[in-house]
Amino acid sequence: MSKIKTYFETKSVRSVYIPFFTLGDPDYEASVEYGKAILESGADILELGIPFSDPVADGPVIQRADARALKNPFSFEKIFSVTKAIHEHRPETPLVYLTYFNPIYRCGIESFLNQAKASGIEGLVIPDLPFDTEESEFLFRELAKRDMDLIHLITPATVKSRIQMMKKTSSGFIYYVTSFGVTGERREFSVDLEERIKFLKDILNLPICAGFGISTPEQASQIAHYADGIIIGSAVQRIIEENGKNLAGCVKALRDYTSSIRNSFS
């Protein structure tokens, strides 16, 4: 059984908090400190981004983070070592990679999965990998061998027939995209968000975690009433963007923000 599945089945909180940030922004050493601070301040699952040159699902804040990160020398060895350092700080907290398919392919799928697992990764979110492809089916099988999860995204435009088909290659949880477009902070969400999430729970029998656009404690608290998890990326990354030149100040800001979100729906 995957660590993520076990976590959701035994969680003591109403809804889990899943923050995200891009590794390597502004450098990899700082990323370790950011990860530690976020884990200590209330993250239930931590999503780590592997920097990529063409992050098509991401808005401007995370695009800029990827660009800054890629100014540093990139290597998978560095990605995995930083991930392991974060994992070893709080090994009980599941870590997930958000990555595009190209880096996995470049590394070699089985090599990537073996090194990711050894570094503490329990699941993958791959925005540009459709669920109904040979690559997705192969990845699902290989991840399952390692007790890891393939976490698919569902959007408001995903039709019921495709949702039904996702059962074959989905595990861990579903990343539900709360609104159309790319990642980024938003003021309002669709009026049928609660209804849609309940619908997905009934069909897929998996935890449904809401992301894209959530940024404030008030928004998180509201959505946590019916979503199994709250995913926040751009607001976290904006803190790093605005404070990244001051490590201590950025760590404090991340601690404060993480605590404010976690406390809003504990």
Protein backbone atom coordinates (compact mmCIF):
# COMPACT_ATOMS: atom_id res chain seq x y z
CA MET A 1 0.00 0.00 0.00
CA SER A 2 1.31 3.46 -0.88
CA LYS A 3 2.29 5.87 1.85
CA ILE A 4 -0.10 8.48 0.42
CA LYS A 5 -3.07 6.09 0.55
CA THR A 6 -2.21 5.19 4.14
CA TYR A 7 -1.89 8.85 5.04
CA PHE A 8 -5.35 9.75 3.77
CA GLU A 9 -6.93 6.72 5.45
CA THR A 10 -5.42 7.54 8.83
CA LYS A 11 -5.33 11.36 8.75
CA SER A 12 -6.48 13.16 11.89
CA VAL A 13 -7.20 16.47 10.15
CA ARG A 14 -10.36 17.40 8.23
CA SER A 15 -8.44 18.24 5.06
CA VAL A 16 -4.75 17.97 4.24
CA TYR A 17 -2.56 20.89 3.23
CA ILE A 18 -0.29 20.31 0.21
CA PRO A 19 2.01 23.26 -0.52
CA PHE A 20 4.22 23.38 -3.61
CA PHE A 21 7.45 25.09 -4.54
CA THR A 22 10.05 24.75 -7.30
CA LEU A 23 13.39 23.22 -6.39
CA GLY A 24 16.40 25.40 -7.18
CA ASP A 25 14.75 28.82 -6.81
CA PRO A 26 16.87 30.81 -6.06
CA ASP A 27 19.30 27.92 -5.39
CA TYR A 28 19.23 24.33 -4.22
CA GLU A 29 20.69 24.98 -0.80
CA ALA A 30 17.88 27.41 -0.03
CA SER A 31 15.33 24.86 -1.26
CA VAL A 32 16.36 22.49 1.52
CA GLU A 33 15.75 25.18 4.13
CA TYR A 34 12.42 26.12 2.55
CA GLY A 35 11.32 22.50 2.57
CA LYS A 36 12.27 22.03 6.20
CA ALA A 37 10.44 25.20 7.26
CA ILE A 38 7.28 24.25 5.40
CA LEU A 39 7.29 20.72 6.82
CA GLU A 40 7.77 22.03 10.35
CA SER A 41 4.94 24.55 9.99
CA GLY A 42 2.08 22.31 8.97
CA ALA A 43 2.42 20.72 5.54
CA ASP A 44 0.74 17.32 5.43
CA ILE A 45 2.12 16.40 2.01
CA LEU A 46 4.77 18.46 0.20
CA GLU A 47 4.81 18.83 -3.59
CA LEU A 48 8.19 19.63 -5.11
CA GLY A 49 8.58 21.00 -8.62
CA ILE A 50 11.38 19.88 -10.92
CA PRO A 51 12.34 22.96 -12.94
CA PHE A 52 11.49 22.71 -16.63
CA SER A 53 11.92 25.06 -19.57
CA ASP A 54 8.33 24.80 -20.83
CA PRO A 55 5.93 24.45 -17.88
CA VAL A 56 2.73 24.66 -19.93
CA ALA A 57 0.30 24.19 -17.02
CA ASP A 58 1.87 26.92 -14.90
CA GLY A 59 1.17 30.62 -14.68
CA PRO A 60 3.70 33.47 -14.60
CA VAL A 61 4.78 33.11 -10.95
CA ILE A 62 5.86 29.49 -11.32
CA GLN A 63 7.18 30.08 -14.84
CA ARG A 64 9.53 32.73 -13.43
CA ALA A 65 10.54 30.34 -10.64
CA ASP A 66 11.48 27.69 -13.20
CA ALA A 67 13.49 30.23 -15.19
CA ARG A 68 15.39 31.35 -12.08
CA ALA A 69 16.04 27.75 -11.04
CA LEU A 70 17.37 26.81 -14.48
CA LYS A 71 20.02 29.53 -14.22
CA ASN A 72 21.70 27.21 -11.73
CA PRO A 73 23.55 24.14 -12.99
CA PHE A 74 20.88 21.44 -13.37
CA SER A 75 21.45 17.78 -12.65
CA PHE A 76 19.22 14.94 -11.55
CA GLU A 77 21.82 14.12 -8.93
CA LYS A 78 21.23 17.56 -7.39
CA ILE A 79 17.44 17.22 -7.60
CA PHE A 80 17.48 13.87 -5.84
CA SER A 81 20.02 14.89 -3.18
CA VAL A 82 18.01 18.00 -2.27
CA THR A 83 14.82 15.95 -2.18
CA LYS A 84 16.46 13.40 0.11
CA ALA A 85 17.67 16.12 2.48
CA ILE A 86 14.11 17.47 2.76
CA HIS A 87 12.70 13.96 3.20
CA GLU A 88 15.14 13.03 5.95
CA HIS A 89 14.08 16.07 7.97
CA ARG A 90 10.51 14.75 8.29
CA PRO A 91 10.45 11.22 6.84
CA GLU A 92 6.86 10.65 7.98
CA THR A 93 5.57 13.36 5.58
CA PRO A 94 4.92 12.14 2.02
CA LEU A 95 6.71 13.99 -0.77
CA VAL A 96 5.40 14.26 -4.33
CA TYR A 97 7.10 15.50 -7.49
CA LEU A 98 5.30 17.74 -9.94
CA THR A 99 7.21 17.32 -13.15
CA TYR A 100 6.65 17.25 -16.87
CA PHE A 101 7.24 14.04 -18.79
CA ASN A 102 10.38 15.18 -20.63
CA PRO A 103 12.68 15.18 -17.55
CA ILE A 104 11.50 11.68 -16.62
CA TYR A 105 12.11 10.46 -20.16
CA ARG A 106 15.54 12.10 -20.33
CA CYS A 107 16.61 10.49 -17.08
CA GLY A 108 15.21 7.10 -18.10
CA ILE A 109 11.88 6.13 -16.63
CA GLU A 110 13.00 3.25 -14.42
CA SER A 111 16.15 5.06 -13.31
CA PHE A 112 14.11 8.15 -12.46
CA LEU A 113 11.58 6.17 -10.44
CA ASN A 114 14.25 4.25 -8.54
CA GLN A 115 16.14 7.40 -7.60
CA ALA A 116 12.96 9.31 -6.77
CA LYS A 117 11.79 6.51 -4.46
CA ALA A 118 15.19 6.35 -2.77
CA SER A 119 15.00 10.12 -2.22
CA GLY A 120 11.64 9.92 -0.44
CA ILE A 121 9.17 10.57 -3.27
CA GLU A 122 5.84 8.74 -2.96
CA GLY A 123 4.00 9.97 -6.07
CA LEU A 124 4.15 11.91 -9.33
CA VAL A 125 1.96 14.63 -10.81
CA ILE A 126 2.67 15.00 -14.54
CA PRO A 127 0.49 17.75 -16.09
CA ASP A 128 1.38 17.02 -19.72
CA LEU A 129 0.87 13.25 -19.59
CA PRO A 130 -2.65 12.18 -20.67
CA PHE A 131 -3.96 9.24 -18.65
CA ASP A 132 -4.96 7.25 -21.74
CA THR A 133 -1.50 6.78 -23.24
CA GLU A 134 0.92 3.85 -23.29
CA GLU A 135 3.38 5.95 -21.31
CA SER A 136 0.83 6.60 -18.58
CA GLU A 137 -0.10 2.93 -18.32
CA PHE A 138 3.56 1.92 -18.19
CA LEU A 139 4.32 4.53 -15.52
CA PHE A 140 1.32 3.43 -13.45
CA ARG A 141 2.53 -0.18 -13.45
CA GLU A 142 6.12 0.76 -12.64
CA LEU A 143 5.06 3.12 -9.85
CA ALA A 144 2.79 0.47 -8.35
CA LYS A 145 5.75 -1.94 -8.18
CA ARG A 146 7.45 0.64 -5.95
CA ASP A 147 4.35 1.45 -3.86
CA MET A 148 4.25 4.88 -5.49
CA ASP A 149 1.29 6.77 -6.96
CA LEU A 150 0.41 8.33 -10.31
CA ILE A 151 -1.70 11.38 -9.47
CA HIS A 152 -3.83 12.61 -12.36
CA LEU A 153 -5.29 16.07 -12.89
CA ILE A 154 -8.96 16.60 -13.64
CA THR A 155 -10.31 19.93 -14.86
CA PRO A 156 -13.82 21.41 -15.02
CA ALA A 157 -13.84 20.44 -18.71
CA THR A 158 -13.13 16.74 -18.15
CA VAL A 159 -16.17 14.75 -19.25
CA LYS A 160 -17.68 11.91 -17.23
CA SER A 161 -16.64 9.19 -19.70
CA ARG A 162 -12.97 10.17 -19.36
CA ILE A 163 -13.25 10.40 -15.59
CA GLN A 164 -14.61 6.83 -15.50
CA MET A 165 -11.66 5.66 -17.60
CA MET A 166 -9.14 7.27 -15.22
CA LYS A 167 -9.83 4.65 -12.58
CA LYS A 168 -7.42 2.26 -14.30
CA THR A 169 -4.33 4.44 -13.92
CA SER A 170 -5.07 6.71 -10.93
CA SER A 171 -3.87 6.29 -7.36
CA GLY A 172 -2.99 8.32 -4.28
CA PHE A 173 -5.35 11.21 -4.87
CA ILE A 174 -6.84 13.27 -7.68
CA TYR A 175 -5.55 16.79 -8.30
CA TYR A 176 -8.71 18.72 -9.13
CA VAL A 177 -8.09 21.93 -11.06
CA THR A 178 -10.57 24.42 -9.60
CA SER A 179 -10.77 26.69 -12.64
CA PHE A 180 -9.82 26.96 -16.31
CA GLY A 181 -6.37 28.18 -17.29
CA VAL A 182 -2.94 27.89 -15.72
CA THR A 183 -1.82 28.05 -12.11
CA GLY A 184 -2.10 31.39 -10.32
CA GLU A 185 -3.90 33.16 -7.51
CA ARG A 186 -7.61 33.87 -8.01
CA ARG A 187 -10.31 35.72 -6.11
CA GLU A 188 -13.30 33.54 -6.99
CA PHE A 189 -14.06 29.94 -7.85
CA SER A 190 -16.88 28.27 -9.76
CA VAL A 191 -20.18 28.13 -7.91
CA ASP A 192 -20.46 24.37 -8.46
CA LEU A 193 -17.00 23.52 -7.07
CA GLU A 194 -18.40 21.65 -4.05
CA GLU A 195 -20.84 19.70 -6.19
CA ARG A 196 -18.11 18.79 -8.67
CA ILE A 197 -15.73 17.52 -5.98
CA LYS A 198 -18.44 15.38 -4.38
CA PHE A 199 -19.26 13.98 -7.82
CA LEU A 200 -15.62 12.99 -8.37
CA LYS A 201 -15.39 11.32 -4.96
CA ASP A 202 -18.38 9.16 -5.78
CA ILE A 203 -17.04 8.07 -9.17
CA LEU A 204 -13.35 7.56 -8.39
CA ASN A 205 -13.33 6.52 -4.75
CA LEU A 206 -10.10 8.49 -4.26
CA PRO A 207 -9.33 11.59 -2.18
CA ILE A 208 -9.95 14.77 -4.18
CA CYS A 209 -7.50 17.62 -3.57
CA ALA A 210 -8.27 21.06 -4.95
CA GLY A 211 -5.60 23.28 -6.48
CA PHE A 212 -4.99 26.16 -8.94
CA GLY A 213 -5.88 29.60 -7.60
CA ILE A 214 -6.19 29.03 -3.85
CA SER A 215 -4.05 31.50 -1.92
CA THR A 216 -5.71 32.85 1.24
CA PRO A 217 -6.62 31.22 4.56
CA GLU A 218 -10.24 32.18 3.93
CA GLN A 219 -10.33 30.38 0.57
CA ALA A 220 -8.56 27.34 2.02
CA SER A 221 -10.95 27.15 4.96
CA GLN A 222 -13.99 27.34 2.71
CA ILE A 223 -12.86 24.65 0.27
CA ALA A 224 -11.55 22.38 3.04
CA HIS A 225 -15.14 21.76 4.10
CA TYR A 226 -15.63 19.48 1.12
CA ALA A 227 -12.21 18.77 -0.44
CA ASP A 228 -9.88 16.14 1.00
CA GLY A 229 -6.88 18.39 0.41
CA ILE A 230 -5.87 21.95 -0.46
CA ILE A 231 -2.98 22.45 -2.89
CA ILE A 232 -1.28 25.86 -2.96
CA GLY A 233 1.63 26.67 -5.26
CA SER A 234 1.72 30.17 -6.72
CA ALA A 235 1.16 31.94 -3.39
CA VAL A 236 4.02 29.94 -1.82
CA GLN A 237 6.24 30.61 -4.81
CA ARG A 238 5.46 34.30 -4.68
CA ILE A 239 6.81 34.42 -1.12
CA ILE A 240 10.06 32.91 -2.39
CA GLU A 241 10.14 35.31 -5.33
CA GLU A 242 9.71 38.34 -3.06
CA ASN A 243 11.99 37.20 -0.23
CA GLY A 244 14.46 34.82 -1.86
CA LYS A 245 17.45 37.14 -1.48
CA ASN A 246 17.10 36.98 2.31
CA LEU A 247 17.19 33.34 3.41
CA ALA A 248 16.21 33.91 7.02
CA GLY A 249 13.45 36.33 6.08
CA CYS A 250 12.08 33.96 3.43
CA VAL A 251 12.10 31.01 5.82
CA LYS A 252 10.16 33.06 8.38
CA ALA A 253 7.64 34.21 5.76
CA LEU A 254 7.12 30.61 4.61
CA ARG A 255 6.63 29.44 8.19
CA ASP A 256 4.09 32.17 8.87
CA TYR A 257 2.16 31.52 5.67
CA THR A 258 2.14 27.74 6.10
CA SER A 259 0.88 28.09 9.66
CA SER A 260 -1.84 30.52 8.62
CA ILE A 261 -3.17 28.09 5.99
CA ARG A 262 -2.95 25.02 8.19
CA ASN A 263 -4.62 26.79 11.13
CA SER A 264 -7.47 28.01 8.92
CA PHE A 265 -8.91 24.53 8.55
CA SER A 266 -7.42 22.42 11.34
